[in-house]
PDB file of N, CA and C in Angstrom:
ATOM      1  N   MET A   1     -52.887 -44.296 -35.561  1.00  0.00           N
ATOM      2  CA  MET A   1     -52.200 -44.776 -36.746  1.00  0.00           C
ATOM      3  C   MET A   1     -52.437 -46.286 -36.854  1.00  0.00           C
ATOM      4  N   ASN A   2     -52.764 -46.735 -38.042  1.00  0.00           N
ATOM      5  CA  ASN A   2     -53.001 -48.169 -38.228  1.00  0.00           C
ATOM      6  C   ASN A   2     -51.685 -48.897 -38.478  1.00  0.00           C
ATOM      7  N   GLY A   3     -51.723 -50.199 -38.474  1.00  0.00           N
ATOM      8  CA  GLY A   3     -50.514 -50.994 -38.611  1.00  0.00           C
ATOM      9  C   GLY A   3     -50.391 -51.693 -39.939  1.00  0.00           C
ATOM     10  N   GLN A   4     -50.831 -51.043 -41.012  1.00  0.00           N
ATOM     11  CA  GLN A   4     -50.807 -51.684 -42.321  1.00  0.00           C
ATOM     12  C   GLN A   4     -49.496 -51.480 -43.088  1.00  0.00           C
ATOM     13  N   ASN A   5     -48.720 -50.476 -42.717  1.00  0.00           N
ATOM     14  CA  ASN A   5     -47.465 -50.189 -43.413  1.00  0.00           C
ATOM     15  C   ASN A   5     -46.280 -50.638 -42.570  1.00  0.00           C
ATOM     16  N   ARG A   6     -45.433 -51.486 -43.146  1.00  0.00           N
ATOM     17  CA  ARG A   6     -44.286 -52.041 -42.425  1.00  0.00           C
ATOM     18  C   ARG A   6     -43.315 -50.943 -41.990  1.00  0.00           C
ATOM     19  N   LYS A   7     -43.201 -49.888 -42.777  1.00  0.00           N
ATOM     20  CA  LYS A   7     -42.246 -48.818 -42.474  1.00  0.00           C
ATOM     21  C   LYS A   7     -42.583 -48.081 -41.175  1.00  0.00           C
ATOM     22  N   ASP A   8     -43.835 -48.183 -40.711  1.00  0.00           N
ATOM     23  CA  ASP A   8     -44.272 -47.502 -39.491  1.00  0.00           C
ATOM     24  C   ASP A   8     -44.021 -48.325 -38.223  1.00  0.00           C
ATOM     25  N   ILE A   9     -43.594 -49.583 -38.401  1.00  0.00           N
ATOM     26  CA  ILE A   9     -43.476 -50.505 -37.267  1.00  0.00           C
ATOM     27  C   ILE A   9     -42.017 -50.923 -37.106  1.00  0.00           C
ATOM     28  N   PHE A  10     -41.545 -50.921 -35.856  1.00  0.00           N
ATOM     29  CA  PHE A  10     -40.154 -51.289 -35.588  1.00  0.00           C
ATOM     30  C   PHE A  10     -40.061 -51.910 -34.191  1.00  0.00           C
ATOM     31  N   ARG A  11     -38.938 -52.578 -33.932  1.00  0.00           N
ATOM     32  CA  ARG A  11     -38.708 -53.198 -32.618  1.00  0.00           C
ATOM     33  C   ARG A  11     -38.779 -52.150 -31.520  1.00  0.00           C
ATOM     34  N   GLY A  12     -39.422 -52.516 -30.419  1.00  0.00           N
ATOM     35  CA  GLY A  12     -39.522 -51.619 -29.281  1.00  0.00           C
ATOM     36  C   GLY A  12     -40.749 -50.721 -29.298  1.00  0.00           C
ATOM     37  N   LEU A  13     -41.505 -50.740 -30.385  1.00  0.00           N
ATOM     38  CA  LEU A  13     -42.703 -49.915 -30.520  1.00  0.00           C
ATOM     39  C   LEU A  13     -43.862 -50.545 -29.742  1.00  0.00           C
ATOM     40  N   GLU A  14     -44.652 -49.720 -29.060  1.00  0.00           N
ATOM     41  CA  GLU A  14     -45.837 -50.219 -28.357  1.00  0.00           C
ATOM     42  C   GLU A  14     -47.020 -50.225 -29.314  1.00  0.00           C
ATOM     43  N   VAL A  15     -47.667 -51.386 -29.420  1.00  0.00           N
ATOM     44  CA  VAL A  15     -48.768 -51.551 -30.379  1.00  0.00           C
ATOM     45  C   VAL A  15     -49.915 -52.337 -29.740  1.00  0.00           C
ATOM     46  N   ASP A  16     -51.070 -52.230 -30.373  1.00  0.00           N
ATOM     47  CA  ASP A  16     -52.206 -53.090 -30.056  1.00  0.00           C
ATOM     48  C   ASP A  16     -52.325 -54.079 -31.206  1.00  0.00           C
ATOM     49  N   ILE A  17     -52.404 -55.374 -30.869  1.00  0.00           N
ATOM     50  CA  ILE A  17     -52.546 -56.391 -31.906  1.00  0.00           C
ATOM     51  C   ILE A  17     -53.838 -57.166 -31.697  1.00  0.00           C
ATOM     52  N   ILE A  18     -54.261 -57.835 -32.766  1.00  0.00           N
ATOM     53  CA  ILE A  18     -55.384 -58.762 -32.689  1.00  0.00           C
ATOM     54  C   ILE A  18     -54.805 -60.163 -32.845  1.00  0.00           C
ATOM     55  N   LEU A  19     -54.966 -60.974 -31.821  1.00  0.00           N
ATOM     56  CA  LEU A  19     -54.517 -62.358 -31.868  1.00  0.00           C
ATOM     57  C   LEU A  19     -55.458 -63.164 -32.764  1.00  0.00           C
ATOM     58  N   LYS A  20     -54.972 -64.263 -33.321  1.00  0.00           N
ATOM     59  CA  LYS A  20     -55.786 -65.125 -34.184  1.00  0.00           C
ATOM     60  C   LYS A  20     -57.088 -65.539 -33.480  1.00  0.00           C
ATOM     61  N   LYS A  21     -56.977 -65.906 -32.199  1.00  0.00           N
ATOM     62  CA  LYS A  21     -58.161 -66.369 -31.457  1.00  0.00           C
ATOM     63  C   LYS A  21     -59.161 -65.245 -31.191  1.00  0.00           C
ATOM     64  N   ASP A  22     -58.722 -63.997 -31.323  1.00  0.00           N
ATOM     65  CA  ASP A  22     -59.579 -62.847 -31.041  1.00  0.00           C
ATOM     66  C   ASP A  22     -60.095 -62.145 -32.297  1.00  0.00           C
ATOM     67  N   GLN A  23     -59.879 -62.741 -33.466  1.00  0.00           N
ATOM     68  CA  GLN A  23     -60.294 -62.079 -34.712  1.00  0.00           C
ATOM     69  C   GLN A  23     -61.792 -61.826 -34.759  1.00  0.00           C
ATOM     70  N   ARG A  24     -62.585 -62.752 -34.265  1.00  0.00           N
ATOM     71  CA  ARG A  24     -64.047 -62.575 -34.298  1.00  0.00           C
ATOM     72  C   ARG A  24     -64.500 -61.473 -33.350  1.00  0.00           C
ATOM     73  N   SER A  25     -63.936 -61.455 -32.148  1.00  0.00           N
ATOM     74  CA  SER A  25     -64.367 -60.482 -31.140  1.00  0.00           C
ATOM     75  C   SER A  25     -63.692 -59.127 -31.315  1.00  0.00           C
ATOM     76  N   GLY A  26     -62.510 -59.118 -31.935  1.00  0.00           N
ATOM     77  CA  GLY A  26     -61.790 -57.863 -32.112  1.00  0.00           C
ATOM     78  C   GLY A  26     -61.059 -57.396 -30.864  1.00  0.00           C
ATOM     79  N   THR A  27     -60.922 -58.285 -29.880  1.00  0.00           N
ATOM     80  CA  THR A  27     -60.221 -57.939 -28.644  1.00  0.00           C
ATOM     81  C   THR A  27     -58.762 -57.611 -28.936  1.00  0.00           C
ATOM     82  N   LEU A  28     -58.304 -56.489 -28.380  1.00  0.00           N
ATOM     83  CA  LEU A  28     -56.934 -56.043 -28.614  1.00  0.00           C
ATOM     84  C   LEU A  28     -56.018 -56.467 -27.475  1.00  0.00           C
ATOM     85  N   THR A  29     -54.771 -56.750 -27.826  1.00  0.00           N
ATOM     86  CA  THR A  29     -53.731 -57.094 -26.865  1.00  0.00           C
ATOM     87  C   THR A  29     -52.603 -56.096 -27.049  1.00  0.00           C
ATOM     88  N   ARG A  30     -52.194 -55.439 -25.955  1.00  0.00           N
ATOM     89  CA  ARG A  30     -51.144 -54.421 -26.044  1.00  0.00           C
ATOM     90  C   ARG A  30     -49.796 -55.024 -25.675  1.00  0.00           C
ATOM     91  N   GLY A  31     -48.763 -54.605 -26.401  1.00  0.00           N
ATOM     92  CA  GLY A  31     -47.426 -55.093 -26.087  1.00  0.00           C
ATOM     93  C   GLY A  31     -46.367 -54.352 -26.885  1.00  0.00           C
ATOM     94  N   ILE A  32     -45.126 -54.783 -26.690  1.00  0.00           N
ATOM     95  CA  ILE A  32     -43.968 -54.192 -27.342  1.00  0.00           C
ATOM     96  C   ILE A  32     -43.494 -55.127 -28.444  1.00  0.00           C
ATOM     97  N   VAL A  33     -43.237 -54.585 -29.638  1.00  0.00           N
ATOM     98  CA  VAL A  33     -42.815 -55.378 -30.791  1.00  0.00           C
ATOM     99  C   VAL A  33     -41.408 -55.938 -30.561  1.00  0.00           C
ATOM    100  N   LYS A  34     -41.292 -57.258 -30.747  1.00  0.00           N
ATOM    101  CA  LYS A  34     -39.988 -57.921 -30.694  1.00  0.00           C
ATOM    102  C   LYS A  34     -39.492 -58.222 -32.103  1.00  0.00           C
ATOM    103  N   ASP A  35     -40.383 -58.787 -32.952  1.00  0.00           N
ATOM    104  CA  ASP A  35     -40.018 -59.165 -34.324  1.00  0.00           C
ATOM    105  C   ASP A  35     -41.145 -58.818 -35.277  1.00  0.00           C
ATOM    106  N   LEU A  36     -40.773 -58.400 -36.492  1.00  0.00           N
ATOM    107  CA  LEU A  36     -41.741 -58.214 -37.570  1.00  0.00           C
ATOM    108  C   LEU A  36     -41.760 -59.499 -38.379  1.00  0.00           C
ATOM    109  N   LEU A  37     -42.942 -60.068 -38.562  1.00  0.00           N
ATOM    110  CA  LEU A  37     -43.060 -61.355 -39.248  1.00  0.00           C
ATOM    111  C   LEU A  37     -43.552 -61.228 -40.682  1.00  0.00           C
ATOM    112  N   THR A  38     -44.160 -60.101 -41.037  1.00  0.00           N
ATOM    113  CA  THR A  38     -44.610 -59.862 -42.403  1.00  0.00           C
ATOM    114  C   THR A  38     -43.478 -59.199 -43.170  1.00  0.00           C
ATOM    115  N   SER A  39     -43.101 -59.784 -44.313  1.00  0.00           N
ATOM    116  CA  SER A  39     -41.997 -59.205 -45.087  1.00  0.00           C
ATOM    117  C   SER A  39     -42.480 -58.167 -46.100  1.00  0.00           C
ATOM    118  N   ALA A  40     -43.770 -58.203 -46.444  1.00  0.00           N
ATOM    119  CA  ALA A  40     -44.310 -57.244 -47.409  1.00  0.00           C
ATOM    120  C   ALA A  40     -44.341 -55.840 -46.806  1.00  0.00           C
ATOM    121  N   SER A  41     -44.270 -54.828 -47.643  1.00  0.00           N
ATOM    122  CA  SER A  41     -44.269 -53.447 -47.162  1.00  0.00           C
ATOM    123  C   SER A  41     -45.660 -52.988 -46.721  1.00  0.00           C
ATOM    124  N   PHE A  42     -46.721 -53.688 -47.179  1.00  0.00           N
ATOM    125  CA  PHE A  42     -48.098 -53.326 -46.837  1.00  0.00           C
ATOM    126  C   PHE A  42     -48.917 -54.606 -46.680  1.00  0.00           C
ATOM    127  N   HIS A  43     -49.819 -54.618 -45.704  1.00  0.00           N
ATOM    128  CA  HIS A  43     -50.775 -55.717 -45.568  1.00  0.00           C
ATOM    129  C   HIS A  43     -52.104 -55.127 -45.126  1.00  0.00           C
ATOM    130  N   SER A  44     -53.163 -55.443 -45.857  1.00  0.00           N
ATOM    131  CA  SER A  44     -54.470 -54.823 -45.625  1.00  0.00           C
ATOM    132  C   SER A  44     -55.056 -55.129 -44.246  1.00  0.00           C
ATOM    133  N   ARG A  45     -54.704 -56.273 -43.661  1.00  0.00           N
ATOM    134  CA  ARG A  45     -55.239 -56.622 -42.333  1.00  0.00           C
ATOM    135  C   ARG A  45     -54.259 -56.305 -41.208  1.00  0.00           C
ATOM    136  N   GLY A  46     -53.115 -55.729 -41.540  1.00  0.00           N
ATOM    137  CA  GLY A  46     -52.128 -55.367 -40.525  1.00  0.00           C
ATOM    138  C   GLY A  46     -50.871 -56.208 -40.618  1.00  0.00           C
ATOM    139  N   ILE A  47     -49.759 -55.606 -40.291  1.00  0.00           N
ATOM    140  CA  ILE A  47     -48.474 -56.292 -40.306  1.00  0.00           C
ATOM    141  C   ILE A  47     -48.435 -57.276 -39.133  1.00  0.00           C
ATOM    142  N   LYS A  48     -47.990 -58.508 -39.397  1.00  0.00           N
ATOM    143  CA  LYS A  48     -47.926 -59.521 -38.342  1.00  0.00           C
ATOM    144  C   LYS A  48     -46.626 -59.332 -37.560  1.00  0.00           C
ATOM    145  N   VAL A  49     -46.756 -59.340 -36.227  1.00  0.00           N
ATOM    146  CA  VAL A  49     -45.596 -59.150 -35.352  1.00  0.00           C
ATOM    147  C   VAL A  49     -45.611 -60.158 -34.208  1.00  0.00           C
ATOM    148  N   ARG A  50     -44.434 -60.341 -33.603  1.00  0.00           N
ATOM    149  CA  ARG A  50     -44.303 -61.099 -32.357  1.00  0.00           C
ATOM    150  C   ARG A  50     -43.995 -60.089 -31.266  1.00  0.00           C
ATOM    151  N   LEU A  51     -44.757 -60.144 -30.179  1.00  0.00           N
ATOM    152  CA  LEU A  51     -44.515 -59.253 -29.051  1.00  0.00           C
ATOM    153  C   LEU A  51     -43.402 -59.823 -28.171  1.00  0.00           C
ATOM    154  N   GLU A  52     -42.879 -58.994 -27.272  1.00  0.00           N
ATOM    155  CA  GLU A  52     -41.815 -59.430 -26.372  1.00  0.00           C
ATOM    156  C   GLU A  52     -42.229 -60.608 -25.501  1.00  0.00           C
ATOM    157  N   ASP A  53     -43.544 -60.739 -25.225  1.00  0.00           N
ATOM    158  CA  ASP A  53     -44.018 -61.858 -24.407  1.00  0.00           C
ATOM    159  C   ASP A  53     -44.311 -63.107 -25.237  1.00  0.00           C
ATOM    160  N   GLY A  54     -44.023 -63.053 -26.551  1.00  0.00           N
ATOM    161  CA  GLY A  54     -44.159 -64.223 -27.414  1.00  0.00           C
ATOM    162  C   GLY A  54     -45.466 -64.321 -28.176  1.00  0.00           C
ATOM    163  N   GLN A  55     -46.444 -63.494 -27.871  1.00  0.00           N
ATOM    164  CA  GLN A  55     -47.722 -63.542 -28.578  1.00  0.00           C
ATOM    165  C   GLN A  55     -47.554 -63.005 -30.000  1.00  0.00           C
ATOM    166  N   ILE A  56     -48.292 -63.612 -30.936  1.00  0.00           N
ATOM    167  CA  ILE A  56     -48.215 -63.225 -32.347  1.00  0.00           C
ATOM    168  C   ILE A  56     -49.586 -62.772 -32.820  1.00  0.00           C
ATOM    169  N   GLY A  57     -49.606 -61.658 -33.549  1.00  0.00           N
ATOM    170  CA  GLY A  57     -50.858 -61.155 -34.092  1.00  0.00           C
ATOM    171  C   GLY A  57     -50.602 -60.038 -35.082  1.00  0.00           C
ATOM    172  N   ARG A  58     -51.684 -59.496 -35.613  1.00  0.00           N
ATOM    173  CA  ARG A  58     -51.580 -58.407 -36.590  1.00  0.00           C
ATOM    174  C   ARG A  58     -51.809 -57.071 -35.892  1.00  0.00           C
ATOM    175  N   VAL A  59     -51.002 -56.088 -36.270  1.00  0.00           N
ATOM    176  CA  VAL A  59     -51.085 -54.770 -35.644  1.00  0.00           C
ATOM    177  C   VAL A  59     -52.397 -54.106 -36.036  1.00  0.00           C
ATOM    178  N   ALA A  60     -53.186 -53.753 -35.024  1.00  0.00           N
ATOM    179  CA  ALA A  60     -54.441 -53.042 -35.244  1.00  0.00           C
ATOM    180  C   ALA A  60     -54.203 -51.541 -35.184  1.00  0.00           C
ATOM    181  N   ASN A  61     -53.389 -51.096 -34.230  1.00  0.00           N
ATOM    182  CA  ASN A  61     -53.003 -49.693 -34.163  1.00  0.00           C
ATOM    183  C   ASN A  61     -51.717 -49.532 -33.373  1.00  0.00           C
ATOM    184  N   ILE A  62     -51.073 -48.429 -33.667  1.00  0.00           N
ATOM    185  CA  ILE A  62     -49.829 -48.067 -33.011  1.00  0.00           C
ATOM    186  C   ILE A  62     -50.181 -47.117 -31.876  1.00  0.00           C
ATOM    187  N   VAL A  63     -49.674 -47.424 -30.685  1.00  0.00           N
ATOM    188  CA  VAL A  63     -49.963 -46.611 -29.509  1.00  0.00           C
ATOM    189  C   VAL A  63     -49.156 -45.320 -29.615  1.00  0.00           C
ATOM    190  N   ASP A  64     -49.858 -44.210 -29.588  1.00  0.00           N
ATOM    191  CA  ASP A  64     -49.226 -42.898 -29.693  1.00  0.00           C
ATOM    192  C   ASP A  64     -48.975 -42.360 -28.295  1.00  0.00           C
ATOM    193  N   GLU A  65     -47.745 -41.975 -28.017  1.00  0.00           N
ATOM    194  CA  GLU A  65     -47.403 -41.466 -26.687  1.00  0.00           C
ATOM    195  C   GLU A  65     -48.207 -40.211 -26.342  1.00  0.00           C
ATOM    196  N   ASP A  66     -48.709 -39.487 -27.327  1.00  0.00           N
ATOM    197  CA  ASP A  66     -49.510 -38.302 -27.086  1.00  0.00           C
ATOM    198  C   ASP A  66     -50.905 -38.626 -26.560  1.00  0.00           C
ATOM    199  N   ASP A  67     -51.312 -39.913 -26.637  1.00  0.00           N
ATOM    200  CA  ASP A  67     -52.641 -40.332 -26.174  1.00  0.00           C
ATOM    201  C   ASP A  67     -52.739 -40.366 -24.652  1.00  0.00           C
ATOM    202  N   PHE A  68     -51.617 -40.288 -23.956  1.00  0.00           N
ATOM    203  CA  PHE A  68     -51.618 -40.422 -22.496  1.00  0.00           C
ATOM    204  C   PHE A  68     -51.720 -39.090 -21.823  1.00  0.00           C
TER     205      PHE A  68
END
């Protein structure tokens, strides 16, 4: 599932984000959502979030518990 719709993302959700410094390489960073920073209901490049460890980036995909 991609992270373009705000309704799909909530606090405590495990996600993969792309940090600003990693936009060119596409390197993903995994973490738990602490805050949603995008107020719009949809964003084409992904909803911006702050992870529990303080890193900020756009959600690339939502980690599905069924993937494990």
